[in-house]
Protein backbone atom coordinates (compact mmCIF):
# COMPACT_ATOMS: atom_id res chain seq x y z
CA UNK A 1 21.40 12.48 9.26
CA UNK A 2 21.10 16.22 9.21
CA UNK A 3 17.82 18.08 9.23
CA UNK A 4 18.34 19.71 5.82
CA UNK A 5 19.30 16.49 4.09
CA UNK A 6 17.02 15.27 1.29
CA UNK A 7 15.27 11.94 1.68
CA UNK A 8 17.40 9.26 0.02
CA UNK A 9 15.87 7.64 -3.09
CA UNK A 10 16.06 4.14 -1.58
CA UNK A 11 13.95 5.32 1.38
CA UNK A 12 11.37 6.86 -0.96
CA UNK A 13 11.22 3.60 -2.90
CA UNK A 14 10.92 1.51 0.27
CA UNK A 15 8.02 3.63 1.48
CA UNK A 16 6.28 3.57 -1.90
CA UNK A 17 6.67 -0.20 -2.24
CA UNK A 18 6.20 -1.45 1.32
CA UNK A 19 5.05 1.16 3.85
CA UNK A 20 1.40 2.00 3.22
CA UNK A 21 0.57 3.38 6.68
CA UNK A 22 2.18 4.86 9.77
CA UNK A 23 1.21 1.65 11.59
CA UNK A 24 3.09 -0.39 9.00
CA UNK A 25 6.11 1.87 9.54
CA UNK A 26 5.90 1.31 13.31
CA UNK A 27 5.71 -2.43 12.78
CA UNK A 28 8.64 -2.53 10.36
CA UNK A 29 10.82 -0.48 12.71
CA UNK A 30 9.78 -2.61 15.69
CA UNK A 31 10.92 -5.76 13.91
CA UNK A 32 14.10 -4.10 12.67
CA UNK A 33 15.00 -2.94 16.18
CA UNK A 34 15.04 -6.53 17.47
CA UNK A 35 16.12 -8.70 14.52
CA UNK A 36 16.84 -11.78 16.61
CA UNK A 37 13.31 -11.94 17.95
CA UNK A 38 10.50 -13.92 16.32
CA UNK A 39 7.22 -12.05 16.75
CA UNK A 40 3.74 -13.53 16.80
CA UNK A 41 0.78 -11.37 15.81
CA UNK A 42 -0.26 -11.37 19.47
CA UNK A 43 3.19 -10.12 20.53
CA UNK A 44 2.98 -7.32 17.98
CA UNK A 45 -0.58 -6.43 19.02
CA UNK A 46 0.44 -6.15 22.68
CA UNK A 47 3.54 -4.10 21.88
CA UNK A 48 2.12 -1.55 19.47
CA UNK A 49 -1.47 -1.77 20.72
CA UNK A 50 -3.22 -2.83 17.56
CA UNK A 51 -5.78 -5.50 16.71
CA UNK A 52 -4.33 -9.01 16.33
CA UNK A 53 -6.02 -9.38 12.92
CA UNK A 54 -4.26 -6.23 11.69
CA UNK A 55 -0.92 -7.51 12.97
CA UNK A 56 -1.47 -10.84 11.20
CA UNK A 57 -2.26 -9.10 7.90
CA UNK A 58 0.68 -6.73 8.16
CA UNK A 59 3.18 -9.42 9.10
CA UNK A 60 2.07 -11.50 6.13
CA UNK A 61 2.27 -8.45 3.85
CA UNK A 62 5.81 -7.67 5.02
CA UNK A 63 6.69 -11.30 4.44
CA UNK A 64 5.37 -11.14 0.86
CA UNK A 65 7.40 -7.94 0.45
CA UNK A 66 10.59 -9.81 1.39
CA UNK A 67 11.23 -7.70 4.49
CA UNK A 68 10.46 -10.35 7.09
CA UNK A 69 10.57 -14.13 7.17
CA UNK A 70 7.92 -16.42 8.55
CA UNK A 71 8.82 -19.27 10.88
CA UNK A 72 8.33 -22.83 9.68
CA UNK A 73 4.85 -22.98 11.18
CA UNK A 74 4.02 -19.48 9.89
CA UNK A 75 3.02 -18.27 13.34
CA UNK A 76 5.91 -15.92 13.97
CA UNK A 77 7.98 -13.50 11.96
CA UNK A 78 11.41 -11.91 12.17
CA UNK A 79 13.14 -9.08 10.36
CA UNK A 80 14.95 -10.80 7.49
CA UNK A 81 15.22 -8.62 4.37
CA UNK A 82 15.68 -10.73 1.25
CA UNK A 83 18.74 -8.80 0.14
CA UNK A 84 21.32 -6.30 1.30
CA UNK A 85 19.70 -3.41 -0.61
CA UNK A 86 16.42 -3.82 1.29
CA UNK A 87 18.27 -4.14 4.60
CA UNK A 88 20.21 -0.93 3.88
CA UNK A 89 17.03 0.92 2.88
CA UNK A 90 15.32 -0.04 6.15
CA UNK A 91 18.41 0.98 8.12
CA UNK A 92 18.52 4.33 6.32
CA UNK A 93 14.78 4.81 6.90
CA UNK A 94 15.25 4.15 10.60
CA UNK A 95 18.05 6.72 10.89
CA UNK A 96 16.30 9.27 8.66
CA UNK A 97 13.04 8.94 10.63
CA UNK A 98 14.72 10.27 13.78
CA UNK A 99 15.16 13.75 12.31
CA UNK A 100 12.60 13.69 9.48
CA UNK A 101 9.50 12.05 10.95
CA UNK A 102 7.11 14.64 9.52
CA UNK A 103 8.53 14.28 6.03
CA UNK A 104 8.28 10.50 6.15
CA UNK A 105 4.73 10.52 7.54
CA UNK A 106 3.76 13.08 4.91
CA UNK A 107 5.13 10.84 2.17
CA UNK A 108 3.22 7.84 3.54
CA UNK A 109 -0.02 9.82 3.75
CA UNK A 110 0.45 11.28 0.26
CA UNK A 111 -0.09 7.89 -1.39
CA UNK A 112 -3.75 7.66 -2.46
CA UNK A 113 -5.69 4.98 -0.59
CA UNK A 114 -6.43 3.17 -3.87
CA UNK A 115 -2.68 2.89 -4.53
CA UNK A 116 -1.78 1.39 -1.17
CA UNK A 117 -1.04 -2.31 -0.77
CA UNK A 118 -3.53 -3.67 1.70
């Protein structure tokens, strides 16, 4: 994606609906980058250096948002968007982030704390 290109509407919607922090963005992209892997909260915490409790909350939130699926025992999660539109939006976000990181982070930070899904 070129530097001058406007942020696609599906990426804006994905961020508004599901990405309430830069940490959540890092987590989503981590899971997307390795879709065959099932991640425990401990695995996530070790990889992105965050508290295990935060990883647990965020994995569950992404699961409720239909971006990841929980294993049968609920202890691990994998990137499994509920539909093709969500999968495409995450893919577009990943590509767009490479050349537009500041714009994406700015959009995430622009959402008032009271409006963020916790």
